[in-house]
Amino acid sequence: MRVRDALAALAVVTPFLMGFTTTIRPPVAADDDIVFRFTDPEIVESSGLVALDKRFVTVNDSGDSARVFVVDPRTGDTTDEVTWPGEADDVEALAPAGDDAVWVGDLGDNTRSRESVSVRRVPLDGSAGEEYELTYPDGARDAEALVAHPLTGQLLVVSKIVFGGQVYAAPRDLSADEPNQLVALGDVTGIVTDAAFFPDGRHLIVRTYTQAVVYAWPSLESVGAFELPKQQQGEGIAVSPEGELYVSSEGLRAPVLTVALPADVRRGMEAPSSAPTPTATPDEPASDVFAQAAEARPVLPFVMGFLVFLLAIFIGVRASRPPR
């Protein structure tokens, strides 16, 4: 009886928890929204996506070898399979690294047991790229999103947590000789499966399985959220150099879709931010600048999330009590 009651309570609470990051009835993609389908039978768990000039790059989820796929969007065919030395642990993310390279994020850690994670710059010409070790300031984290600021090149990692992800910044100059300590910058929505910057570097978009949220950068002030088209297991998101938005999904012959920003979100991106956007001085650490911006962000979404968390605990405790 206790187990059944607990499951019933979980069923009641789960929609409230997932409501912060998912939607009940996502829109169905139209045929015109399909840019191409992956034709390569080796691409079955597309987890990360990068849109370069006239080509896309994707990577399989955990369990695959150390490789990325370069895809021609005109046909969906793989034009090159780029590998790197060593083995992949749990690759989950990609980020642009110029016109001819990508950052590969070996960031997955479902059990939160890894002492460190890693990123590697992989040139698409097949030459060896450097690997960099990253460590979190607050213990192991599972993450599926890696982004590179288009102007500074600084790497960011976004953790995947139900009650809200955390954005972490890597040092501007990465060291290949010792672990690079990440710095926590602020909170975003939960269940983040990928993220990308817009070309001007002023806005960051993160996605969950069914929703996308746009944030001003570096304040992390939410600009707006919208539903993504229905996908088998939507995980990838990319913004092209021209600012076009694309999403991908796991699955054999999965489509890559183009997504239009809703008018209200676009207006929000064009409007001046209500939170200050500080400017770093040459002697001021970037982390201090981001911390100043974080202090000005609205706290209501996080208060609501905490209240839902307390509700979950309350219902769980009530369900576990023996009947009188």
C-alpha atoms as a PDB file:
ATOM      1  CA  MET A   1       0.000   0.000   0.000  1.00  0.00           C
ATOM      2  CA  ARG A   2       2.796   2.418   0.878  1.00  0.00           C
ATOM      3  CA  VAL A   3       4.562   1.790  -2.420  1.00  0.00           C
ATOM      4  CA  ARG A   4       1.341   2.319  -4.370  1.00  0.00           C
ATOM      5  CA  ASP A   5       0.592   5.537  -2.509  1.00  0.00           C
ATOM      6  CA  ALA A   6       4.114   6.778  -3.064  1.00  0.00           C
ATOM      7  CA  LEU A   7       3.852   6.060  -6.779  1.00  0.00           C
ATOM      8  CA  ALA A   8       0.526   7.853  -6.908  1.00  0.00           C
ATOM      9  CA  ALA A   9       2.051  10.860  -5.178  1.00  0.00           C
ATOM     10  CA  LEU A  10       4.947  10.840  -7.627  1.00  0.00           C
ATOM     11  CA  ALA A  11       2.500  10.765 -10.521  1.00  0.00           C
ATOM     12  CA  VAL A  12       0.787  13.849  -9.113  1.00  0.00           C
ATOM     13  CA  VAL A  13       3.966  15.810  -8.470  1.00  0.00           C
ATOM     14  CA  THR A  14       5.910  14.922 -11.619  1.00  0.00           C
ATOM     15  CA  PRO A  15       3.868  17.133 -13.998  1.00  0.00           C
ATOM     16  CA  PHE A  16       4.513  20.108 -11.729  1.00  0.00           C
ATOM     17  CA  LEU A  17       8.228  19.388 -11.686  1.00  0.00           C
ATOM     18  CA  MET A  18       8.535  18.793 -15.398  1.00  0.00           C
ATOM     19  CA  GLY A  19       6.309  21.760 -16.186  1.00  0.00           C
ATOM     20  CA  PHE A  20       9.280  24.051 -15.649  1.00  0.00           C
ATOM     21  CA  THR A  21      11.106  22.492 -18.573  1.00  0.00           C
ATOM     22  CA  THR A  22       8.650  20.575 -20.732  1.00  0.00           C
ATOM     23  CA  THR A  23       5.284  20.971 -22.359  1.00  0.00           C
ATOM     24  CA  ILE A  24       2.356  18.555 -22.597  1.00  0.00           C
ATOM     25  CA  ARG A  25       1.486  18.999 -26.275  1.00  0.00           C
ATOM     26  CA  PRO A  26       4.498  20.095 -28.324  1.00  0.00           C
ATOM     27  CA  PRO A  27       3.767  21.297 -31.873  1.00  0.00           C
ATOM     28  CA  VAL A  28       4.201  18.892 -34.770  1.00  0.00           C
ATOM     29  CA  ALA A  29       6.903  19.811 -37.284  1.00  0.00           C
ATOM     30  CA  ALA A  30       5.736  20.589 -40.802  1.00  0.00           C
ATOM     31  CA  ASP A  31       7.439  19.024 -43.796  1.00  0.00           C
ATOM     32  CA  ASP A  32       8.874  22.422 -44.702  1.00  0.00           C
ATOM     33  CA  ASP A  33      10.637  22.511 -41.326  1.00  0.00           C
ATOM     34  CA  ILE A  34      12.735  19.438 -42.139  1.00  0.00           C
ATOM     35  CA  VAL A  35      16.101  20.608 -43.452  1.00  0.00           C
ATOM     36  CA  PHE A  36      17.447  17.073 -43.931  1.00  0.00           C
ATOM     37  CA  ARG A  37      17.561  13.625 -42.361  1.00  0.00           C
ATOM     38  CA  PHE A  38      20.707  11.850 -41.249  1.00  0.00           C
ATOM     39  CA  THR A  39      21.202   9.083 -43.824  1.00  0.00           C
ATOM     40  CA  ASP A  40      24.196   7.482 -42.093  1.00  0.00           C
ATOM     41  CA  PRO A  41      23.067   4.307 -40.233  1.00  0.00           C
ATOM     42  CA  GLU A  42      25.860   4.969 -37.727  1.00  0.00           C
ATOM     43  CA  ILE A  43      24.125   8.162 -36.535  1.00  0.00           C
ATOM     44  CA  VAL A  44      21.515   6.753 -34.178  1.00  0.00           C
ATOM     45  CA  GLU A  45      21.871   8.903 -31.051  1.00  0.00           C
ATOM     46  CA  SER A  46      22.573  12.420 -32.255  1.00  0.00           C
ATOM     47  CA  SER A  47      23.188  14.270 -29.001  1.00  0.00           C
ATOM     48  CA  GLY A  48      25.025  17.430 -30.053  1.00  0.00           C
ATOM     49  CA  LEU A  49      24.718  19.630 -33.116  1.00  0.00           C
ATOM     50  CA  VAL A  50      26.826  22.382 -34.673  1.00  0.00           C
ATOM     51  CA  ALA A  51      25.848  24.391 -37.752  1.00  0.00           C
ATOM     52  CA  LEU A  52      28.884  25.573 -39.693  1.00  0.00           C
ATOM     53  CA  ASP A  53      29.058  27.207 -43.115  1.00  0.00           C
ATOM     54  CA  LYS A  54      27.356  24.733 -45.523  1.00  0.00           C
ATOM     55  CA  ARG A  55      27.817  21.728 -43.234  1.00  0.00           C
ATOM     56  CA  PHE A  56      26.624  20.322 -39.937  1.00  0.00           C
ATOM     57  CA  VAL A  57      28.489  18.319 -37.330  1.00  0.00           C
ATOM     58  CA  THR A  58      26.919  15.858 -34.909  1.00  0.00           C
ATOM     59  CA  VAL A  59      28.037  13.270 -32.382  1.00  0.00           C
ATOM     60  CA  ASN A  60      26.462  10.159 -30.947  1.00  0.00           C
ATOM     61  CA  ASP A  61      25.517   9.830 -27.304  1.00  0.00           C
ATOM     62  CA  SER A  62      27.473   7.796 -24.739  1.00  0.00           C
ATOM     63  CA  GLY A  63      28.700   4.375 -25.817  1.00  0.00           C
ATOM     64  CA  ASP A  64      30.095   5.429 -29.195  1.00  0.00           C
ATOM     65  CA  SER A  65      33.751   5.633 -30.156  1.00  0.00           C
ATOM     66  CA  ALA A  66      35.773   8.841 -30.306  1.00  0.00           C
ATOM     67  CA  ARG A  67      34.318  10.325 -33.491  1.00  0.00           C
ATOM     68  CA  VAL A  68      32.155  13.094 -34.928  1.00  0.00           C
ATOM     69  CA  PHE A  69      30.182  13.125 -38.182  1.00  0.00           C
ATOM     70  CA  VAL A  70      30.365  15.914 -40.764  1.00  0.00           C
ATOM     71  CA  VAL A  71      27.092  16.071 -42.705  1.00  0.00           C
ATOM     72  CA  ASP A  72      26.077  17.746 -45.956  1.00  0.00           C
ATOM     73  CA  PRO A  73      22.670  19.420 -45.336  1.00  0.00           C
ATOM     74  CA  ARG A  74      21.760  19.196 -49.035  1.00  0.00           C
ATOM     75  CA  THR A  75      21.586  15.394 -48.855  1.00  0.00           C
ATOM     76  CA  GLY A  76      21.927  14.408 -45.179  1.00  0.00           C
ATOM     77  CA  ASP A  77      24.906  12.244 -46.144  1.00  0.00           C
ATOM     78  CA  THR A  78      27.996  11.976 -43.968  1.00  0.00           C
ATOM     79  CA  THR A  79      30.887  13.518 -45.879  1.00  0.00           C
ATOM     80  CA  ASP A  80      33.531  12.790 -43.264  1.00  0.00           C
ATOM     81  CA  GLU A  81      33.930  10.872 -40.025  1.00  0.00           C
ATOM     82  CA  VAL A  82      36.574  12.546 -37.881  1.00  0.00           C
ATOM     83  CA  THR A  83      38.202  10.595 -35.057  1.00  0.00           C
ATOM     84  CA  TRP A  84      40.687  11.444 -32.335  1.00  0.00           C
ATOM     85  CA  PRO A  85      43.143   9.411 -30.243  1.00  0.00           C
ATOM     86  CA  GLY A  86      41.989   7.559 -27.150  1.00  0.00           C
ATOM     87  CA  GLU A  87      38.553   6.505 -26.015  1.00  0.00           C
ATOM     88  CA  ALA A  88      35.392   8.474 -25.352  1.00  0.00           C
ATOM     89  CA  ASP A  89      33.834   8.129 -21.918  1.00  0.00           C
ATOM     90  CA  ASP A  90      30.428   9.809 -22.252  1.00  0.00           C
ATOM     91  CA  VAL A  91      30.426  12.379 -25.065  1.00  0.00           C
ATOM     92  CA  GLU A  92      27.259  14.475 -24.948  1.00  0.00           C
ATOM     93  CA  ALA A  93      27.896  17.853 -26.559  1.00  0.00           C
ATOM     94  CA  LEU A  94      29.475  19.884 -29.338  1.00  0.00           C
ATOM     95  CA  ALA A  95      30.304  23.569 -29.735  1.00  0.00           C
ATOM     96  CA  PRO A  96      31.772  25.582 -32.639  1.00  0.00           C
ATOM     97  CA  ALA A  97      35.533  26.137 -32.592  1.00  0.00           C
ATOM     98  CA  GLY A  98      35.961  28.248 -35.693  1.00  0.00           C
ATOM     99  CA  ASP A  99      35.012  27.360 -39.268  1.00  0.00           C
ATOM    100  CA  ASP A 100      37.034  24.145 -39.418  1.00  0.00           C
ATOM    101  CA  ALA A 101      36.880  22.647 -35.924  1.00  0.00           C
ATOM    102  CA  VAL A 102      34.482  21.762 -33.119  1.00  0.00           C
ATOM    103  CA  TRP A 103      34.732  21.427 -29.382  1.00  0.00           C
ATOM    104  CA  VAL A 104      33.716  17.967 -28.187  1.00  0.00           C
ATOM    105  CA  GLY A 105      32.367  17.759 -24.642  1.00  0.00           C
ATOM    106  CA  ASP A 106      32.921  14.454 -22.827  1.00  0.00           C
ATOM    107  CA  LEU A 107      30.645  15.691 -20.039  1.00  0.00           C
ATOM    108  CA  GLY A 108      28.137  12.934 -19.283  1.00  0.00           C
ATOM    109  CA  ASP A 109      28.014  11.650 -15.717  1.00  0.00           C
ATOM    110  CA  ASN A 110      24.631  10.154 -14.868  1.00  0.00           C
ATOM    111  CA  THR A 111      25.940   8.630 -11.632  1.00  0.00           C
ATOM    112  CA  ARG A 112      27.921  11.751 -10.659  1.00  0.00           C
ATOM    113  CA  SER A 113      31.011   9.662 -10.096  1.00  0.00           C
ATOM    114  CA  ARG A 114      33.587  11.319 -12.365  1.00  0.00           C
ATOM    115  CA  GLU A 115      36.268  13.366 -10.648  1.00  0.00           C
ATOM    116  CA  SER A 116      36.651  15.428 -13.802  1.00  0.00           C
ATOM    117  CA  VAL A 117      35.281  15.740 -17.329  1.00  0.00           C
ATOM    118  CA  SER A 118      36.990  16.864 -20.511  1.00  0.00           C
ATOM    119  CA  VAL A 119      36.692  18.919 -23.671  1.00  0.00           C
ATOM    120  CA  ARG A 120      38.697  18.485 -26.853  1.00  0.00           C
ATOM    121  CA  ARG A 121      39.171  20.766 -29.826  1.00  0.00           C
ATOM    122  CA  VAL A 122      38.789  18.532 -32.868  1.00  0.00           C
ATOM    123  CA  PRO A 123      39.933  19.965 -36.233  1.00  0.00           C
ATOM    124  CA  LEU A 124      37.747  18.664 -39.037  1.00  0.00           C
ATOM    125  CA  ASP A 125      40.801  18.013 -41.219  1.00  0.00           C
ATOM    126  CA  GLY A 126      41.613  15.045 -39.010  1.00  0.00           C
ATOM    127  CA  SER A 127      44.686  16.481 -37.304  1.00  0.00           C
ATOM    128  CA  ALA A 128      45.165  15.794 -33.609  1.00  0.00           C
ATOM    129  CA  GLY A 129      43.440  18.168 -31.238  1.00  0.00           C
ATOM    130  CA  GLU A 130      44.294  19.088 -27.660  1.00  0.00           C
ATOM    131  CA  GLU A 131      42.280  17.714 -24.745  1.00  0.00           C
ATOM    132  CA  TYR A 132      41.567  19.720 -21.585  1.00  0.00           C
ATOM    133  CA  GLU A 133      40.408  18.434 -18.215  1.00  0.00           C
ATOM    134  CA  LEU A 134      37.661  20.312 -16.364  1.00  0.00           C
ATOM    135  CA  THR A 135      36.628  20.106 -12.715  1.00  0.00           C
ATOM    136  CA  TYR A 136      33.510  21.466 -11.027  1.00  0.00           C
ATOM    137  CA  PRO A 137      33.738  23.704  -7.946  1.00  0.00           C
ATOM    138  CA  ASP A 138      30.805  21.970  -6.208  1.00  0.00           C
ATOM    139  CA  GLY A 139      31.220  18.263  -6.902  1.00  0.00           C
ATOM    140  CA  ALA A 140      30.489  16.024  -9.868  1.00  0.00           C
ATOM    141  CA  ARG A 141      27.703  17.045 -12.246  1.00  0.00           C
ATOM    142  CA  ASP A 142      25.968  15.479 -15.223  1.00  0.00           C
ATOM    143  CA  ALA A 143      25.982  17.790 -18.251  1.00  0.00           C
ATOM    144  CA  GLU A 144      24.927  17.588 -21.892  1.00  0.00           C
ATOM    145  CA  ALA A 145      25.511  21.175 -23.037  1.00  0.00           C
ATOM    146  CA  LEU A 146      28.758  22.832 -24.082  1.00  0.00           C
ATOM    147  CA  VAL A 147      28.889  26.297 -25.654  1.00  0.00           C
ATOM    148  CA  ALA A 148      31.636  28.610 -26.868  1.00  0.00           C
ATOM    149  CA  HIS A 149      31.132  32.363 -26.817  1.00  0.00           C
ATOM    150  CA  PRO A 150      31.346  33.525 -30.448  1.00  0.00           C
ATOM    151  CA  LEU A 151      33.388  36.633 -29.627  1.00  0.00           C
ATOM    152  CA  THR A 152      35.706  35.552 -26.809  1.00  0.00           C
ATOM    153  CA  GLY A 153      35.834  31.797 -27.426  1.00  0.00           C
ATOM    154  CA  GLN A 154      35.311  31.095 -23.717  1.00  0.00           C
ATOM    155  CA  LEU A 155      33.731  27.708 -23.044  1.00  0.00           C
ATOM    156  CA  LEU A 156      30.671  27.216 -20.858  1.00  0.00           C
ATOM    157  CA  VAL A 157      29.159  24.003 -19.511  1.00  0.00           C
ATOM    158  CA  VAL A 158      25.481  23.743 -18.521  1.00  0.00           C
ATOM    159  CA  SER A 159      24.561  20.991 -16.070  1.00  0.00           C
ATOM    160  CA  LYS A 160      21.485  18.788 -16.491  1.00  0.00           C
ATOM    161  CA  ILE A 161      19.442  18.897 -13.275  1.00  0.00           C
ATOM    162  CA  VAL A 162      15.672  18.556 -12.836  1.00  0.00           C
ATOM    163  CA  PHE A 163      15.205  21.588 -10.595  1.00  0.00           C
ATOM    164  CA  GLY A 164      17.415  23.892 -12.636  1.00  0.00           C
ATOM    165  CA  GLY A 165      20.724  23.697 -14.440  1.00  0.00           C
ATOM    166  CA  GLN A 166      23.837  25.644 -13.576  1.00  0.00           C
ATOM    167  CA  VAL A 167      26.038  27.521 -16.030  1.00  0.00           C
ATOM    168  CA  TYR A 168      29.758  27.075 -15.463  1.00  0.00           C
ATOM    169  CA  ALA A 169      32.564  29.007 -17.154  1.00  0.00           C
ATOM    170  CA  ALA A 170      35.935  27.531 -18.033  1.00  0.00           C
ATOM    171  CA  PRO A 171      39.069  29.686 -17.855  1.00  0.00           C
ATOM    172  CA  ARG A 172      39.646  31.858 -20.906  1.00  0.00           C
ATOM    173  CA  ASP A 173      43.046  30.224 -21.392  1.00  0.00           C
ATOM    174  CA  LEU A 174      42.774  26.477 -20.914  1.00  0.00           C
ATOM    175  CA  SER A 175      45.708  24.498 -19.570  1.00  0.00           C
ATOM    176  CA  ALA A 176      46.514  21.115 -21.063  1.00  0.00           C
ATOM    177  CA  ASP A 177      48.881  20.290 -18.187  1.00  0.00           C
ATOM    178  CA  GLU A 178      46.516  20.478 -15.218  1.00  0.00           C
ATOM    179  CA  PRO A 179      42.772  20.434 -14.453  1.00  0.00           C
ATOM    180  CA  ASN A 180      40.894  23.612 -15.308  1.00  0.00           C
ATOM    181  CA  GLN A 181      38.567  24.769 -12.530  1.00  0.00           C
ATOM    182  CA  LEU A 182      35.076  25.751 -13.674  1.00  0.00           C
ATOM    183  CA  VAL A 183      33.330  28.744 -12.108  1.00  0.00           C
ATOM    184  CA  ALA A 184      29.583  28.700 -11.378  1.00  0.00           C
ATOM    185  CA  LEU A 185      27.859  31.697 -12.968  1.00  0.00           C
ATOM    186  CA  GLY A 186      24.140  31.224 -12.402  1.00  0.00           C
ATOM    187  CA  ASP A 187      21.014  29.141 -12.877  1.00  0.00           C
ATOM    188  CA  VAL A 188      18.960  28.278 -15.931  1.00  0.00           C
ATOM    189  CA  THR A 189      16.047  25.930 -16.585  1.00  0.00           C
ATOM    190  CA  GLY A 190      16.253  22.228 -15.730  1.00  0.00           C
ATOM    191  CA  ILE A 191      16.850  19.141 -17.904  1.00  0.00           C
ATOM    192  CA  VAL A 192      19.112  21.002 -20.346  1.00  0.00           C
ATOM    193  CA  THR A 193      20.140  18.722 -23.218  1.00  0.00           C
ATOM    194  CA  ASP A 194      22.017  21.276 -25.334  1.00  0.00           C
ATOM    195  CA  ALA A 195      22.689  24.993 -25.740  1.00  0.00           C
ATOM    196  CA  ALA A 196      24.083  27.506 -28.222  1.00  0.00           C
ATOM    197  CA  PHE A 197      24.977  31.176 -28.538  1.00  0.00           C
ATOM    198  CA  PHE A 198      23.520  33.504 -31.112  1.00  0.00           C
ATOM    199  CA  PRO A 199      26.188  35.036 -33.398  1.00  0.00           C
ATOM    200  CA  ASP A 200      26.367  38.400 -31.612  1.00  0.00           C
ATOM    201  CA  GLY A 201      27.121  36.718 -28.279  1.00  0.00           C
ATOM    202  CA  ARG A 202      24.365  38.672 -26.513  1.00  0.00           C
ATOM    203  CA  HIS A 203      21.936  35.782 -26.105  1.00  0.00           C
ATOM    204  CA  LEU A 204      22.205  32.135 -25.102  1.00  0.00           C
ATOM    205  CA  ILE A 205      19.556  29.548 -25.965  1.00  0.00           C
ATOM    206  CA  VAL A 206      19.195  26.316 -24.021  1.00  0.00           C
ATOM    207  CA  ARG A 207      16.890  23.433 -24.818  1.00  0.00           C
ATOM    208  CA  THR A 208      15.188  20.643 -22.904  1.00  0.00           C
ATOM    209  CA  TYR A 209      13.511  17.657 -24.526  1.00  0.00           C
ATOM    210  CA  THR A 210      10.544  19.781 -25.583  1.00  0.00           C
ATOM    211  CA  GLN A 211      11.230  23.454 -24.824  1.00  0.00           C
ATOM    212  CA  ALA A 212      13.763  26.202 -25.509  1.00  0.00           C
ATOM    213  CA  VAL A 213      14.595  29.187 -23.310  1.00  0.00           C
ATOM    214  CA  VAL A 214      16.527  32.271 -24.407  1.00  0.00           C
ATOM    215  CA  TYR A 215      18.679  34.146 -21.879  1.00  0.00           C
ATOM    216  CA  ALA A 216      20.433  37.488 -22.119  1.00  0.00           C
ATOM    217  CA  TRP A 217      24.195  37.237 -21.762  1.00  0.00           C
ATOM    218  CA  PRO A 218      25.923  37.597 -19.383  1.00  0.00           C
ATOM    219  CA  SER A 219      23.086  38.534 -17.011  1.00  0.00           C
ATOM    220  CA  LEU A 220      21.265  35.211 -17.616  1.00  0.00           C
ATOM    221  CA  GLU A 221      18.011  37.132 -17.475  1.00  0.00           C
ATOM    222  CA  SER A 222      15.278  35.067 -19.132  1.00  0.00           C
ATOM    223  CA  VAL A 223      14.056  36.651 -22.386  1.00  0.00           C
ATOM    224  CA  GLY A 224      11.398  34.086 -23.236  1.00  0.00           C
ATOM    225  CA  ALA A 225      10.550  30.405 -23.637  1.00  0.00           C
ATOM    226  CA  PHE A 226       8.745  28.491 -26.352  1.00  0.00           C
ATOM    227  CA  GLU A 227       7.784  24.961 -27.304  1.00  0.00           C
ATOM    228  CA  LEU A 228       9.922  22.989 -29.737  1.00  0.00           C
ATOM    229  CA  PRO A 229       8.478  20.697 -32.403  1.00  0.00           C
ATOM    230  CA  LYS A 230       7.736  17.134 -31.352  1.00  0.00           C
ATOM    231  CA  GLN A 231      10.795  14.890 -31.721  1.00  0.00           C
ATOM    232  CA  GLN A 232      11.615  11.298 -30.900  1.00  0.00           C
ATOM    233  CA  GLN A 233      14.138  12.405 -28.271  1.00  0.00           C
ATOM    234  CA  GLY A 234      15.157  15.964 -29.009  1.00  0.00           C
ATOM    235  CA  GLU A 235      18.629  16.699 -27.678  1.00  0.00           C
ATOM    236  CA  GLY A 236      20.595  18.890 -30.078  1.00  0.00           C
ATOM    237  CA  ILE A 237      20.326  22.594 -30.825  1.00  0.00           C
ATOM    238  CA  ALA A 238      22.484  24.813 -33.032  1.00  0.00           C
ATOM    239  CA  VAL A 239      22.556  28.380 -34.296  1.00  0.00           C
ATOM    240  CA  SER A 240      24.161  29.000 -37.678  1.00  0.00           C
ATOM    241  CA  PRO A 241      26.563  31.890 -38.366  1.00  0.00           C
ATOM    242  CA  GLU A 242      23.556  33.641 -39.951  1.00  0.00           C
ATOM    243  CA  GLY A 243      21.473  33.236 -36.788  1.00  0.00           C
ATOM    244  CA  GLU A 244      19.198  30.435 -38.005  1.00  0.00           C
ATOM    245  CA  LEU A 245      18.023  27.970 -35.367  1.00  0.00           C
ATOM    246  CA  TYR A 246      18.145  24.188 -35.787  1.00  0.00           C
ATOM    247  CA  VAL A 247      17.259  21.210 -33.575  1.00  0.00           C
ATOM    248  CA  SER A 248      18.085  17.511 -33.850  1.00  0.00           C
ATOM    249  CA  SER A 249      16.970  14.279 -32.241  1.00  0.00           C
ATOM    250  CA  GLU A 250      18.180  10.797 -31.443  1.00  0.00           C
ATOM    251  CA  GLY A 251      16.940   7.967 -33.654  1.00  0.00           C
ATOM    252  CA  LEU A 252      17.757   6.359 -37.007  1.00  0.00           C
ATOM    253  CA  ARG A 253      17.274   8.781 -39.940  1.00  0.00           C
ATOM    254  CA  ALA A 254      16.274  11.460 -37.474  1.00  0.00           C
ATOM    255  CA  PRO A 255      15.448  14.833 -39.053  1.00  0.00           C
ATOM    256  CA  VAL A 256      17.185  18.119 -38.407  1.00  0.00           C
ATOM    257  CA  LEU A 257      14.524  20.823 -38.167  1.00  0.00           C
ATOM    258  CA  THR A 258      14.642  24.556 -38.663  1.00  0.00           C
ATOM    259  CA  VAL A 259      12.806  26.503 -35.959  1.00  0.00           C
ATOM    260  CA  ALA A 260      11.584  30.075 -36.160  1.00  0.00           C
ATOM    261  CA  LEU A 261      11.855  32.207 -33.052  1.00  0.00           C
ATOM    262  CA  PRO A 262       8.417  33.352 -31.849  1.00  0.00           C
ATOM    263  CA  ALA A 263       7.755  37.043 -32.385  1.00  0.00           C
ATOM    264  CA  ASP A 264       7.584  37.803 -28.665  1.00  0.00           C
ATOM    265  CA  VAL A 265      10.939  36.135 -28.026  1.00  0.00           C
ATOM    266  CA  ARG A 266      12.529  38.005 -30.914  1.00  0.00           C
ATOM    267  CA  ARG A 267      11.149  41.297 -29.590  1.00  0.00           C
ATOM    268  CA  GLY A 268      12.510  40.434 -26.160  1.00  0.00           C
ATOM    269  CA  MET A 269      15.946  39.854 -27.656  1.00  0.00           C
ATOM    270  CA  GLU A 270      15.819  43.230 -29.386  1.00  0.00           C
ATOM    271  CA  ALA A 271      14.657  45.107 -26.290  1.00  0.00           C
ATOM    272  CA  PRO A 272      17.168  46.524 -23.790  1.00  0.00           C
ATOM    273  CA  SER A 273      17.766  44.186 -20.872  1.00  0.00           C
ATOM    274  CA  SER A 274      16.336  45.225 -17.507  1.00  0.00           C
ATOM    275  CA  ALA A 275      19.370  43.716 -15.797  1.00  0.00           C
ATOM    276  CA  PRO A 276      22.765  45.416 -16.005  1.00  0.00           C
ATOM    277  CA  THR A 277      25.341  43.987 -18.390  1.00  0.00           C
ATOM    278  CA  PRO A 278      28.667  44.797 -16.736  1.00  0.00           C
ATOM    279  CA  THR A 279      31.880  45.179 -18.669  1.00  0.00           C
ATOM    280  CA  ALA A 280      35.078  43.523 -17.494  1.00  0.00           C
ATOM    281  CA  THR A 281      38.192  45.560 -17.066  1.00  0.00           C
ATOM    282  CA  PRO A 282      41.563  44.030 -18.013  1.00  0.00           C
ATOM    283  CA  ASP A 283      42.354  43.350 -14.339  1.00  0.00           C
ATOM    284  CA  GLU A 284      38.907  42.109 -13.333  1.00  0.00           C
ATOM    285  CA  PRO A 285      38.251  38.340 -13.450  1.00  0.00           C
ATOM    286  CA  ALA A 286      35.412  37.399 -15.767  1.00  0.00           C
ATOM    287  CA  SER A 287      33.817  35.347 -12.989  1.00  0.00           C
ATOM    288  CA  ASP A 288      33.425  38.494 -10.860  1.00  0.00           C
ATOM    289  CA  VAL A 289      31.660  40.259 -13.709  1.00  0.00           C
ATOM    290  CA  PHE A 290      29.237  37.384 -14.200  1.00  0.00           C
ATOM    291  CA  ALA A 291      28.589  37.256 -10.460  1.00  0.00           C
ATOM    292  CA  GLN A 292      27.574  40.925 -10.486  1.00  0.00           C
ATOM    293  CA  ALA A 293      25.125  40.267 -13.296  1.00  0.00           C
ATOM    294  CA  ALA A 294      23.703  37.213 -11.535  1.00  0.00           C
ATOM    295  CA  GLU A 295      22.813  39.299  -8.492  1.00  0.00           C
ATOM    296  CA  ALA A 296      20.410  41.342 -10.612  1.00  0.00           C
ATOM    297  CA  ARG A 297      18.467  38.405 -12.056  1.00  0.00           C
ATOM    298  CA  PRO A 298      14.846  37.879 -10.995  1.00  0.00           C
ATOM    299  CA  VAL A 299      14.444  35.241  -8.271  1.00  0.00           C
ATOM    300  CA  LEU A 300      10.780  34.343  -8.790  1.00  0.00           C
ATOM    301  CA  PRO A 301      11.384  31.271 -11.008  1.00  0.00           C
ATOM    302  CA  PHE A 302      13.770  29.811  -8.463  1.00  0.00           C
ATOM    303  CA  VAL A 303      11.424  30.517  -5.556  1.00  0.00           C
ATOM    304  CA  MET A 304       8.653  28.713  -7.437  1.00  0.00           C
ATOM    305  CA  GLY A 305      10.935  25.769  -8.075  1.00  0.00           C
ATOM    306  CA  PHE A 306      11.800  25.557  -4.391  1.00  0.00           C
ATOM    307  CA  LEU A 307       8.119  25.644  -3.406  1.00  0.00           C
ATOM    308  CA  VAL A 308       7.375  22.791  -5.799  1.00  0.00           C
ATOM    309  CA  PHE A 309      10.265  20.869  -4.267  1.00  0.00           C
ATOM    310  CA  LEU A 310       8.748  21.330  -0.790  1.00  0.00           C
ATOM    311  CA  LEU A 311       5.390  20.185  -2.143  1.00  0.00           C
ATOM    312  CA  ALA A 312       6.988  17.013  -3.465  1.00  0.00           C
ATOM    313  CA  ILE A 313       8.523  16.267  -0.077  1.00  0.00           C
ATOM    314  CA  PHE A 314       5.237  16.933   1.713  1.00  0.00           C
ATOM    315  CA  ILE A 315       3.225  14.625  -0.539  1.00  0.00           C
ATOM    316  CA  GLY A 316       5.898  11.941  -0.360  1.00  0.00           C
ATOM    317  CA  VAL A 317       5.915  12.022   3.461  1.00  0.00           C
ATOM    318  CA  ARG A 318       2.120  11.889   3.626  1.00  0.00           C
ATOM    319  CA  ALA A 319       2.027   8.953   1.248  1.00  0.00           C
ATOM    320  CA  SER A 320       4.593   7.026   3.267  1.00  0.00           C
ATOM    321  CA  ARG A 321       2.648   7.255   6.545  1.00  0.00           C
ATOM    322  CA  PRO A 322       0.883   4.050   7.621  1.00  0.00           C
ATOM    323  CA  PRO A 323      -2.926   4.181   7.585  1.00  0.00           C
ATOM    324  CA  ARG A 324      -4.545   4.888  10.918  1.00  0.00           C
END
